[in-house]
Amino acid sequence: MSGVRAFIAIELDQQTIDALAGLQLQLKREPGAQLVKWVAPAGIHLTLKFLGEIDRTLIPRLVAVLRDSIAGEHAFALTVSGLGAFPSLQRPNVIWAGLSGPTDAAARIARRLEDGCAALGIPREERPFSPHLTLGRVQREAAPDARRQIGDSVRRQRVGEIGLLPVDAVYLMRSELRPAGAVYSVLQKVSLG
């Protein structure tokens, strides 16, 4: 078996990537920012389904699941706006930019992907789908006081609408873990109707 680490996502356009890179620069100037591993702007995407390590022979069947999952969906655009943290601003683990607009369309696609992937034996995600763009992850060893400081920094940012995220395709992506961070490449692009 030859495995590949993979996920299914919506990719960002360059304008949105640039806007998020600017937002990250602001956040990097804040107290506690050195305890956050920031996602490279080109690596920011809206994950619909993390697949983990899969057998390469599953790829054609996953592409079929992708096609089925977006059947009947038309291109749409999400608004990128606001900042937040999971699980909360008091105990942040993940710092994110929010998404609004027709998030029900993204959630519908994600739900269909879960069903189709489960039929292939890929475990379901236990957490409900929550559309967001991960900007950074707080280091595990960060103390509670440092986490609160990071959460306060995120709270202080006055971030309105960052831009529009056009959604006209869904991507099956490969993730290669390297010392400098993950490197992503497209395995298959499937366009919305």
N, C-alpha and C. Protein backbone atom coordinates (compact mmCIF):
# COMPACT_ATOMS: atom_id res chain seq x y z
N MET A 1 0.85 -1.19 0.00
CA MET A 1 0.00 0.00 0.00
C MET A 1 0.88 1.24 0.00
N SER A 2 0.61 2.14 -0.91
CA SER A 2 1.32 3.41 -0.98
C SER A 2 0.35 4.49 -0.53
N GLY A 3 0.65 5.12 0.60
CA GLY A 3 -0.27 6.08 1.17
C GLY A 3 0.04 7.51 0.79
N VAL A 4 -0.97 8.35 0.94
CA VAL A 4 -0.84 9.78 0.72
C VAL A 4 -1.70 10.48 1.77
N ARG A 5 -1.16 11.52 2.38
CA ARG A 5 -1.91 12.31 3.36
C ARG A 5 -2.74 13.32 2.57
N ALA A 6 -4.05 13.33 2.79
CA ALA A 6 -4.91 14.13 1.92
C ALA A 6 -6.06 14.79 2.68
N PHE A 7 -6.65 15.77 2.02
CA PHE A 7 -7.84 16.46 2.54
C PHE A 7 -8.59 17.05 1.36
N ILE A 8 -9.83 17.47 1.62
CA ILE A 8 -10.67 18.09 0.59
C ILE A 8 -10.94 19.52 1.05
N ALA A 9 -10.74 20.48 0.14
CA ALA A 9 -10.81 21.88 0.55
C ALA A 9 -11.32 22.78 -0.56
N ILE A 10 -11.60 24.01 -0.16
CA ILE A 10 -11.87 25.11 -1.09
C ILE A 10 -10.64 26.01 -1.00
N GLU A 11 -10.04 26.28 -2.14
CA GLU A 11 -8.84 27.11 -2.20
C GLU A 11 -9.21 28.59 -2.26
N LEU A 12 -8.30 29.42 -1.78
CA LEU A 12 -8.51 30.86 -1.76
C LEU A 12 -7.91 31.52 -3.00
N ASP A 13 -8.50 32.64 -3.41
CA ASP A 13 -7.91 33.41 -4.50
C ASP A 13 -6.79 34.28 -3.93
N GLN A 14 -5.95 34.83 -4.80
CA GLN A 14 -4.76 35.57 -4.36
C GLN A 14 -5.12 36.81 -3.55
N GLN A 15 -6.20 37.48 -3.91
CA GLN A 15 -6.61 38.69 -3.19
C GLN A 15 -6.93 38.37 -1.72
N THR A 16 -7.64 37.27 -1.49
CA THR A 16 -7.98 36.86 -0.13
C THR A 16 -6.73 36.42 0.62
N ILE A 17 -5.84 35.69 -0.05
CA ILE A 17 -4.58 35.27 0.59
C ILE A 17 -3.78 36.50 1.03
N ASP A 18 -3.69 37.50 0.16
CA ASP A 18 -2.94 38.73 0.49
C ASP A 18 -3.56 39.45 1.68
N ALA A 19 -4.89 39.53 1.71
CA ALA A 19 -5.58 40.20 2.82
C ALA A 19 -5.33 39.47 4.14
N LEU A 20 -5.37 38.15 4.11
CA LEU A 20 -5.13 37.36 5.32
C LEU A 20 -3.68 37.46 5.77
N ALA A 21 -2.74 37.55 4.81
CA ALA A 21 -1.33 37.73 5.15
C ALA A 21 -1.13 39.06 5.89
N GLY A 22 -1.82 40.10 5.45
CA GLY A 22 -1.76 41.39 6.13
C GLY A 22 -2.31 41.31 7.54
N LEU A 23 -3.40 40.58 7.71
CA LEU A 23 -3.99 40.39 9.02
C LEU A 23 -3.04 39.61 9.95
N GLN A 24 -2.40 38.59 9.41
CA GLN A 24 -1.42 37.84 10.19
C GLN A 24 -0.27 38.74 10.64
N LEU A 25 0.18 39.65 9.77
CA LEU A 25 1.27 40.56 10.14
C LEU A 25 0.87 41.42 11.33
N GLN A 26 -0.38 41.90 11.33
CA GLN A 26 -0.87 42.68 12.48
C GLN A 26 -0.83 41.83 13.75
N LEU A 27 -1.32 40.61 13.66
CA LEU A 27 -1.38 39.72 14.82
C LEU A 27 0.02 39.35 15.32
N LYS A 28 0.98 39.24 14.42
CA LYS A 28 2.34 38.87 14.81
C LYS A 28 3.03 39.95 15.64
N ARG A 29 2.49 41.17 15.60
CA ARG A 29 3.04 42.28 16.40
C ARG A 29 2.47 42.30 17.82
N GLU A 30 1.51 41.45 18.09
CA GLU A 30 0.82 41.45 19.38
C GLU A 30 1.55 40.58 20.41
N PRO A 31 1.31 40.88 21.70
CA PRO A 31 1.93 40.06 22.76
C PRO A 31 1.49 38.60 22.64
N GLY A 32 2.45 37.70 22.83
CA GLY A 32 2.16 36.26 22.78
C GLY A 32 2.25 35.66 21.40
N ALA A 33 2.42 36.50 20.37
CA ALA A 33 2.42 36.01 18.99
C ALA A 33 3.53 34.99 18.72
N GLN A 34 4.62 35.06 19.50
CA GLN A 34 5.73 34.12 19.30
C GLN A 34 5.35 32.71 19.72
N LEU A 35 4.23 32.55 20.43
CA LEU A 35 3.75 31.23 20.85
C LEU A 35 2.75 30.63 19.86
N VAL A 36 2.58 31.31 18.73
CA VAL A 36 1.64 30.84 17.71
C VAL A 36 2.43 30.38 16.49
N LYS A 37 2.10 29.19 15.98
CA LYS A 37 2.67 28.71 14.72
C LYS A 37 1.72 29.18 13.64
N TRP A 38 2.15 30.18 12.88
CA TRP A 38 1.30 30.80 11.88
C TRP A 38 1.29 29.97 10.60
N VAL A 39 0.11 29.83 10.01
CA VAL A 39 -0.04 29.10 8.76
C VAL A 39 0.50 29.99 7.64
N ALA A 40 1.32 29.43 6.76
CA ALA A 40 1.80 30.18 5.60
C ALA A 40 0.58 30.65 4.80
N PRO A 41 0.52 31.94 4.44
CA PRO A 41 -0.68 32.44 3.74
C PRO A 41 -1.10 31.60 2.53
N ALA A 42 -0.14 31.12 1.75
CA ALA A 42 -0.49 30.30 0.58
C ALA A 42 -1.10 28.96 0.98
N GLY A 43 -0.95 28.56 2.24
CA GLY A 43 -1.49 27.30 2.72
C GLY A 43 -2.83 27.41 3.42
N ILE A 44 -3.38 28.62 3.47
CA ILE A 44 -4.69 28.81 4.11
C ILE A 44 -5.78 28.39 3.13
N HIS A 45 -6.72 27.59 3.61
CA HIS A 45 -7.82 27.11 2.78
C HIS A 45 -9.00 26.76 3.69
N LEU A 46 -10.15 26.56 3.10
CA LEU A 46 -11.34 26.12 3.83
C LEU A 46 -11.41 24.60 3.72
N THR A 47 -11.06 23.92 4.80
CA THR A 47 -11.08 22.45 4.79
C THR A 47 -12.53 21.96 4.91
N LEU A 48 -12.92 21.12 3.98
CA LEU A 48 -14.25 20.51 4.01
C LEU A 48 -14.20 19.12 4.65
N LYS A 49 -13.08 18.41 4.45
CA LYS A 49 -12.94 17.06 5.01
C LYS A 49 -11.46 16.70 5.07
N PHE A 50 -10.97 16.42 6.27
CA PHE A 50 -9.61 15.93 6.42
C PHE A 50 -9.67 14.41 6.28
N LEU A 51 -8.85 13.86 5.40
CA LEU A 51 -8.89 12.43 5.12
C LEU A 51 -7.82 11.65 5.86
N GLY A 52 -6.71 12.31 6.19
CA GLY A 52 -5.59 11.62 6.82
C GLY A 52 -4.82 10.81 5.79
N GLU A 53 -4.14 9.79 6.25
CA GLU A 53 -3.34 8.93 5.37
C GLU A 53 -4.29 7.96 4.66
N ILE A 54 -4.33 8.04 3.34
CA ILE A 54 -5.20 7.16 2.56
C ILE A 54 -4.37 6.37 1.56
N ASP A 55 -4.90 5.25 1.14
CA ASP A 55 -4.29 4.43 0.10
C ASP A 55 -4.50 5.14 -1.25
N ARG A 56 -3.45 5.24 -2.04
CA ARG A 56 -3.54 5.90 -3.35
C ARG A 56 -4.64 5.31 -4.24
N THR A 57 -4.91 4.02 -4.06
CA THR A 57 -5.92 3.38 -4.90
C THR A 57 -7.31 3.94 -4.65
N LEU A 58 -7.50 4.67 -3.54
CA LEU A 58 -8.80 5.28 -3.23
C LEU A 58 -9.05 6.57 -4.01
N ILE A 59 -8.00 7.15 -4.58
CA ILE A 59 -8.14 8.47 -5.21
C ILE A 59 -9.23 8.53 -6.27
N PRO A 60 -9.31 7.60 -7.22
CA PRO A 60 -10.40 7.68 -8.20
C PRO A 60 -11.79 7.63 -7.56
N ARG A 61 -11.94 6.82 -6.51
CA ARG A 61 -13.24 6.74 -5.83
C ARG A 61 -13.53 8.03 -5.06
N LEU A 62 -12.48 8.65 -4.51
CA LEU A 62 -12.66 9.93 -3.82
C LEU A 62 -13.07 11.03 -4.80
N VAL A 63 -12.51 11.00 -6.00
CA VAL A 63 -12.89 11.98 -7.02
C VAL A 63 -14.37 11.80 -7.36
N ALA A 64 -14.84 10.58 -7.43
CA ALA A 64 -16.26 10.32 -7.69
C ALA A 64 -17.12 10.87 -6.53
N VAL A 65 -16.65 10.69 -5.30
CA VAL A 65 -17.35 11.24 -4.13
C VAL A 65 -17.40 12.76 -4.23
N LEU A 66 -16.31 13.38 -4.64
CA LEU A 66 -16.27 14.84 -4.82
C LEU A 66 -17.33 15.27 -5.83
N ARG A 67 -17.36 14.59 -6.97
CA ARG A 67 -18.33 14.95 -8.01
C ARG A 67 -19.77 14.81 -7.49
N ASP A 68 -20.04 13.71 -6.79
CA ASP A 68 -21.39 13.50 -6.24
C ASP A 68 -21.74 14.57 -5.20
N SER A 69 -20.74 14.98 -4.41
CA SER A 69 -20.98 15.92 -3.31
C SER A 69 -21.31 17.32 -3.78
N ILE A 70 -20.82 17.69 -4.96
CA ILE A 70 -21.10 19.04 -5.46
C ILE A 70 -22.18 19.05 -6.54
N ALA A 71 -22.71 17.88 -6.86
CA ALA A 71 -23.76 17.79 -7.89
C ALA A 71 -24.91 18.73 -7.53
N GLY A 72 -25.33 19.54 -8.49
CA GLY A 72 -26.45 20.45 -8.27
C GLY A 72 -26.07 21.75 -7.59
N GLU A 73 -24.82 21.90 -7.16
CA GLU A 73 -24.38 23.14 -6.51
C GLU A 73 -23.81 24.09 -7.55
N HIS A 74 -24.14 25.36 -7.42
CA HIS A 74 -23.61 26.38 -8.32
C HIS A 74 -22.56 27.19 -7.57
N ALA A 75 -21.71 27.86 -8.31
CA ALA A 75 -20.68 28.70 -7.71
C ALA A 75 -21.33 29.71 -6.76
N PHE A 76 -20.64 30.01 -5.67
CA PHE A 76 -21.12 31.00 -4.70
C PHE A 76 -19.91 31.70 -4.11
N ALA A 77 -20.15 32.69 -3.28
CA ALA A 77 -19.04 33.41 -2.64
C ALA A 77 -19.34 33.57 -1.16
N LEU A 78 -18.33 33.34 -0.35
CA LEU A 78 -18.42 33.54 1.09
C LEU A 78 -17.70 34.83 1.44
N THR A 79 -18.18 35.49 2.48
CA THR A 79 -17.53 36.71 2.96
C THR A 79 -16.56 36.34 4.07
N VAL A 80 -15.33 36.77 3.94
CA VAL A 80 -14.32 36.55 4.99
C VAL A 80 -14.38 37.77 5.89
N SER A 81 -14.71 37.54 7.17
CA SER A 81 -14.82 38.67 8.09
C SER A 81 -14.66 38.20 9.53
N GLY A 82 -14.05 39.06 10.34
CA GLY A 82 -13.92 38.81 11.77
C GLY A 82 -12.85 37.80 12.11
N LEU A 83 -12.52 37.80 13.38
CA LEU A 83 -11.52 36.89 13.94
C LEU A 83 -12.11 36.17 15.12
N GLY A 84 -11.58 34.99 15.42
CA GLY A 84 -12.01 34.25 16.60
C GLY A 84 -10.98 33.19 16.94
N ALA A 85 -11.34 32.35 17.89
CA ALA A 85 -10.43 31.28 18.31
C ALA A 85 -11.24 30.09 18.78
N PHE A 86 -10.70 28.90 18.54
CA PHE A 86 -11.25 27.66 19.08
C PHE A 86 -10.37 27.22 20.23
N PRO A 87 -10.87 26.67 21.32
CA PRO A 87 -12.30 26.55 21.62
C PRO A 87 -12.92 27.87 22.09
N SER A 88 -12.09 28.84 22.54
CA SER A 88 -12.61 30.13 22.97
C SER A 88 -11.46 31.13 23.01
N LEU A 89 -11.80 32.41 23.15
CA LEU A 89 -10.77 33.44 23.27
C LEU A 89 -10.06 33.38 24.62
N GLN A 90 -10.68 32.74 25.62
CA GLN A 90 -10.04 32.58 26.92
C GLN A 90 -8.99 31.47 26.89
N ARG A 91 -9.20 30.46 26.04
CA ARG A 91 -8.27 29.32 25.93
C ARG A 91 -8.02 28.99 24.46
N PRO A 92 -7.44 29.92 23.71
CA PRO A 92 -7.30 29.67 22.27
C PRO A 92 -6.29 28.58 21.94
N ASN A 93 -6.70 27.70 21.05
CA ASN A 93 -5.80 26.71 20.44
C ASN A 93 -5.58 27.05 18.97
N VAL A 94 -6.65 27.52 18.32
CA VAL A 94 -6.62 27.86 16.90
C VAL A 94 -7.16 29.28 16.73
N ILE A 95 -6.43 30.10 15.99
CA ILE A 95 -6.88 31.45 15.65
C ILE A 95 -7.40 31.41 14.22
N TRP A 96 -8.60 31.95 14.01
CA TRP A 96 -9.22 31.83 12.69
C TRP A 96 -9.85 33.13 12.22
N ALA A 97 -10.02 33.21 10.89
CA ALA A 97 -10.84 34.25 10.27
C ALA A 97 -12.19 33.60 9.96
N GLY A 98 -13.25 34.36 10.19
CA GLY A 98 -14.59 33.81 10.02
C GLY A 98 -15.10 33.89 8.59
N LEU A 99 -16.14 33.12 8.33
CA LEU A 99 -16.80 33.10 7.02
C LEU A 99 -18.29 33.27 7.22
N SER A 100 -18.91 34.07 6.36
CA SER A 100 -20.36 34.25 6.42
C SER A 100 -20.91 34.25 5.00
N GLY A 101 -22.20 34.40 4.88
CA GLY A 101 -22.85 34.32 3.58
C GLY A 101 -23.48 32.96 3.42
N PRO A 102 -23.46 32.39 2.22
CA PRO A 102 -24.11 31.10 1.99
C PRO A 102 -23.28 29.92 2.54
N THR A 103 -23.02 29.97 3.85
CA THR A 103 -22.25 28.88 4.49
C THR A 103 -23.04 27.58 4.47
N ASP A 104 -24.37 27.67 4.30
CA ASP A 104 -25.18 26.46 4.21
C ASP A 104 -24.79 25.62 2.99
N ALA A 105 -24.38 26.27 1.89
CA ALA A 105 -23.94 25.53 0.71
C ALA A 105 -22.64 24.77 1.01
N ALA A 106 -21.69 25.44 1.70
CA ALA A 106 -20.44 24.78 2.08
C ALA A 106 -20.73 23.63 3.05
N ALA A 107 -21.64 23.86 3.99
CA ALA A 107 -21.99 22.82 4.98
C ALA A 107 -22.66 21.62 4.29
N ARG A 108 -23.49 21.90 3.29
CA ARG A 108 -24.17 20.83 2.55
C ARG A 108 -23.14 19.97 1.82
N ILE A 109 -22.17 20.62 1.18
CA ILE A 109 -21.10 19.88 0.49
C ILE A 109 -20.30 19.06 1.49
N ALA A 110 -19.96 19.67 2.63
CA ALA A 110 -19.18 18.97 3.66
C ALA A 110 -19.94 17.75 4.18
N ARG A 111 -21.24 17.88 4.37
CA ARG A 111 -22.07 16.77 4.85
C ARG A 111 -22.08 15.62 3.84
N ARG A 112 -22.24 15.97 2.57
CA ARG A 112 -22.22 14.94 1.52
C ARG A 112 -20.86 14.26 1.44
N LEU A 113 -19.79 15.05 1.61
CA LEU A 113 -18.44 14.48 1.61
C LEU A 113 -18.27 13.50 2.77
N GLU A 114 -18.77 13.86 3.95
CA GLU A 114 -18.69 12.97 5.11
C GLU A 114 -19.37 11.63 4.79
N ASP A 115 -20.57 11.71 4.21
CA ASP A 115 -21.32 10.49 3.89
C ASP A 115 -20.57 9.65 2.85
N GLY A 116 -20.11 10.30 1.79
CA GLY A 116 -19.41 9.57 0.73
C GLY A 116 -18.10 8.96 1.20
N CYS A 117 -17.36 9.71 2.01
CA CYS A 117 -16.08 9.20 2.52
C CYS A 117 -16.32 8.06 3.52
N ALA A 118 -17.37 8.17 4.32
CA ALA A 118 -17.68 7.10 5.28
C ALA A 118 -17.98 5.80 4.54
N ALA A 119 -18.64 5.91 3.38
CA ALA A 119 -18.94 4.72 2.58
C ALA A 119 -17.66 4.07 2.05
N LEU A 120 -16.57 4.84 1.98
CA LEU A 120 -15.27 4.31 1.54
C LEU A 120 -14.44 3.81 2.73
N GLY A 121 -15.01 3.92 3.93
CA GLY A 121 -14.29 3.46 5.12
C GLY A 121 -13.45 4.52 5.80
N ILE A 122 -13.58 5.77 5.39
CA ILE A 122 -12.85 6.87 6.02
C ILE A 122 -13.67 7.37 7.21
N PRO A 123 -13.07 7.41 8.40
CA PRO A 123 -13.83 7.80 9.60
C PRO A 123 -14.47 9.19 9.47
N ARG A 124 -15.64 9.31 10.07
CA ARG A 124 -16.35 10.59 10.10
C ARG A 124 -15.68 11.55 11.07
N GLU A 125 -15.79 12.83 10.78
CA GLU A 125 -15.33 13.87 11.70
C GLU A 125 -16.38 13.97 12.80
N GLU A 126 -15.95 13.93 14.05
CA GLU A 126 -16.90 13.96 15.16
C GLU A 126 -17.42 15.36 15.44
N ARG A 127 -16.59 16.38 15.18
CA ARG A 127 -17.02 17.76 15.42
C ARG A 127 -17.89 18.23 14.26
N PRO A 128 -18.87 19.07 14.55
CA PRO A 128 -19.70 19.60 13.46
C PRO A 128 -18.87 20.52 12.56
N PHE A 129 -19.25 20.62 11.29
CA PHE A 129 -18.56 21.48 10.34
C PHE A 129 -18.72 22.93 10.77
N SER A 130 -17.62 23.64 10.88
CA SER A 130 -17.63 25.05 11.27
C SER A 130 -16.74 25.81 10.29
N PRO A 131 -17.33 26.47 9.29
CA PRO A 131 -16.53 27.11 8.26
C PRO A 131 -15.64 28.22 8.82
N HIS A 132 -14.34 28.09 8.63
CA HIS A 132 -13.36 29.07 9.10
C HIS A 132 -12.07 28.88 8.34
N LEU A 133 -11.19 29.87 8.43
CA LEU A 133 -9.87 29.82 7.82
C LEU A 133 -8.84 29.89 8.93
N THR A 134 -8.09 28.83 9.14
CA THR A 134 -7.10 28.78 10.22
C THR A 134 -5.92 29.67 9.87
N LEU A 135 -5.64 30.64 10.77
CA LEU A 135 -4.50 31.55 10.59
C LEU A 135 -3.29 31.09 11.38
N GLY A 136 -3.53 30.46 12.53
CA GLY A 136 -2.42 30.01 13.35
C GLY A 136 -2.88 29.07 14.45
N ARG A 137 -1.92 28.31 14.99
CA ARG A 137 -2.20 27.37 16.08
C ARG A 137 -1.30 27.70 17.26
N VAL A 138 -1.90 27.85 18.42
CA VAL A 138 -1.13 28.15 19.63
C VAL A 138 -0.35 26.89 20.03
N GLN A 139 0.93 27.07 20.36
CA GLN A 139 1.77 25.95 20.75
C GLN A 139 1.19 25.25 21.98
N ARG A 140 1.28 23.94 22.00
CA ARG A 140 0.68 23.14 23.09
C ARG A 140 1.23 23.52 24.45
N GLU A 141 2.53 23.86 24.51
CA GLU A 141 3.15 24.15 25.80
C GLU A 141 2.85 25.57 26.31
N ALA A 142 2.07 26.36 25.57
CA ALA A 142 1.73 27.71 26.01
C ALA A 142 0.94 27.65 27.32
N ALA A 143 1.38 28.44 28.29
CA ALA A 143 0.74 28.48 29.61
C ALA A 143 -0.64 29.15 29.53
N PRO A 144 -1.53 28.86 30.47
CA PRO A 144 -2.87 29.48 30.46
C PRO A 144 -2.83 31.01 30.40
N ASP A 145 -1.90 31.65 31.14
CA ASP A 145 -1.81 33.12 31.09
C ASP A 145 -1.44 33.60 29.69
N ALA A 146 -0.52 32.89 29.04
CA ALA A 146 -0.11 33.26 27.69
C ALA A 146 -1.27 33.08 26.72
N ARG A 147 -2.05 32.02 26.91
CA ARG A 147 -3.22 31.80 26.04
C ARG A 147 -4.22 32.95 26.19
N ARG A 148 -4.46 33.36 27.42
CA ARG A 148 -5.39 34.48 27.64
C ARG A 148 -4.87 35.74 26.96
N GLN A 149 -3.57 35.96 27.03
CA GLN A 149 -2.95 37.12 26.40
C GLN A 149 -3.16 37.08 24.88
N ILE A 150 -2.98 35.91 24.30
CA ILE A 150 -3.19 35.75 22.86
C ILE A 150 -4.66 36.00 22.52
N GLY A 151 -5.57 35.44 23.32
CA GLY A 151 -7.00 35.66 23.11
C GLY A 151 -7.36 37.13 23.20
N ASP A 152 -6.76 37.84 24.16
CA ASP A 152 -7.01 39.29 24.29
C ASP A 152 -6.51 40.03 23.06
N SER A 153 -5.38 39.61 22.52
CA SER A 153 -4.83 40.23 21.31
C SER A 153 -5.79 40.05 20.13
N VAL A 154 -6.34 38.86 20.01
CA VAL A 154 -7.30 38.60 18.93
C VAL A 154 -8.55 39.45 19.14
N ARG A 155 -9.02 39.54 20.37
CA ARG A 155 -10.23 40.30 20.70
C ARG A 155 -10.06 41.79 20.37
N ARG A 156 -8.86 42.32 20.58
CA ARG A 156 -8.60 43.75 20.36
C ARG A 156 -8.61 44.14 18.89
N GLN A 157 -8.40 43.20 18.01
CA GLN A 157 -8.37 43.51 16.58
C GLN A 157 -9.77 43.91 16.11
N ARG A 158 -9.85 45.00 15.44
CA ARG A 158 -11.13 45.44 14.87
C ARG A 158 -11.14 45.04 13.40
N VAL A 159 -11.64 43.84 13.15
CA VAL A 159 -11.60 43.29 11.80
C VAL A 159 -13.02 43.19 11.26
N GLY A 160 -13.28 43.94 10.23
CA GLY A 160 -14.58 43.86 9.56
C GLY A 160 -14.48 42.88 8.41
N GLU A 161 -15.04 43.29 7.28
CA GLU A 161 -15.00 42.43 6.09
C GLU A 161 -13.60 42.45 5.50
N ILE A 162 -13.04 41.27 5.33
CA ILE A 162 -11.68 41.13 4.80
C ILE A 162 -11.73 40.97 3.28
N GLY A 163 -12.75 40.32 2.79
CA GLY A 163 -12.89 40.12 1.35
C GLY A 163 -13.88 39.03 1.04
N LEU A 164 -14.01 38.73 -0.24
CA LEU A 164 -14.92 37.68 -0.70
C LEU A 164 -14.10 36.47 -1.10
N LEU A 165 -14.62 35.30 -0.77
CA LEU A 165 -13.99 34.04 -1.15
C LEU A 165 -14.88 33.38 -2.21
N PRO A 166 -14.51 33.52 -3.50
CA PRO A 166 -15.30 32.86 -4.54
C PRO A 166 -15.14 31.35 -4.45
N VAL A 167 -16.25 30.65 -4.51
CA VAL A 167 -16.23 29.19 -4.44
C VAL A 167 -16.77 28.66 -5.76
N ASP A 168 -15.85 28.22 -6.62
CA ASP A 168 -16.27 27.69 -7.92
C ASP A 168 -15.72 26.28 -8.17
N ALA A 169 -14.95 25.76 -7.19
CA ALA A 169 -14.39 24.42 -7.33
C ALA A 169 -14.06 23.87 -5.95
N VAL A 170 -13.96 22.55 -5.89
CA VAL A 170 -13.54 21.85 -4.68
C VAL A 170 -12.31 21.02 -5.07
N TYR A 171 -11.35 20.94 -4.15
CA TYR A 171 -10.06 20.33 -4.47
C TYR A 171 -9.76 19.15 -3.55
N LEU A 172 -9.26 18.08 -4.16
CA LEU A 172 -8.66 16.99 -3.41
C LEU A 172 -7.18 17.34 -3.32
N MET A 173 -6.69 17.53 -2.10
CA MET A 173 -5.34 18.04 -1.88
C MET A 173 -4.45 17.00 -1.22
N ARG A 174 -3.17 17.07 -1.54
CA ARG A 174 -2.15 16.26 -0.88
C ARG A 174 -1.42 17.16 0.10
N SER A 175 -1.11 16.63 1.27
CA SER A 175 -0.37 17.36 2.30
C SER A 175 0.90 16.59 2.62
N GLU A 176 2.04 17.22 2.35
CA GLU A 176 3.32 16.61 2.68
C GLU A 176 3.91 17.36 3.86
N LEU A 177 4.16 16.64 4.95
CA LEU A 177 4.71 17.27 6.14
C LEU A 177 6.23 17.37 6.00
N ARG A 178 6.74 18.59 6.14
CA ARG A 178 8.17 18.85 6.06
C ARG A 178 8.59 19.66 7.28
N PRO A 179 9.88 19.69 7.57
CA PRO A 179 10.34 20.44 8.75
C PRO A 179 9.90 21.91 8.76
N ALA A 180 9.85 22.54 7.59
CA ALA A 180 9.46 23.95 7.51
C ALA A 180 7.95 24.14 7.53
N GLY A 181 7.20 23.05 7.52
CA GLY A 181 5.74 23.13 7.50
C GLY A 181 5.17 22.29 6.38
N ALA A 182 3.86 22.17 6.37
CA ALA A 182 3.19 21.35 5.35
C ALA A 182 3.26 22.01 3.98
N VAL A 183 3.42 21.17 2.96
CA VAL A 183 3.39 21.63 1.57
C VAL A 183 2.18 20.96 0.91
N TYR A 184 1.34 21.77 0.26
CA TYR A 184 0.11 21.27 -0.33
C TYR A 184 0.21 21.24 -1.85
N SER A 185 -0.38 20.23 -2.44
CA SER A 185 -0.46 20.17 -3.90
C SER A 185 -1.83 19.61 -4.28
N VAL A 186 -2.30 20.01 -5.45
CA VAL A 186 -3.63 19.60 -5.93
C VAL A 186 -3.52 18.23 -6.57
N LEU A 187 -4.36 17.30 -6.09
CA LEU A 187 -4.48 15.99 -6.73
C LEU A 187 -5.57 16.01 -7.78
N GLN A 188 -6.67 16.72 -7.46
CA GLN A 188 -7.79 16.80 -8.41
C GLN A 188 -8.63 18.03 -8.10
N LYS A 189 -9.03 18.73 -9.13
CA LYS A 189 -9.95 19.87 -9.03
C LYS A 189 -11.27 19.47 -9.64
N VAL A 190 -12.38 19.74 -8.94
CA VAL A 190 -13.70 19.45 -9.48
C VAL A 190 -14.50 20.74 -9.40
N SER A 191 -14.94 21.24 -10.56
CA SER A 191 -15.63 22.52 -10.62
C SER A 191 -17.12 22.39 -10.29
N LEU A 192 -17.65 23.42 -9.63
CA LEU A 192 -19.08 23.47 -9.36
C LEU A 192 -19.80 23.83 -10.64
N GLY A 193 -21.08 23.37 -10.74
CA GLY A 193 -21.88 23.59 -11.95
C GLY A 193 -22.00 24.97 -12.31
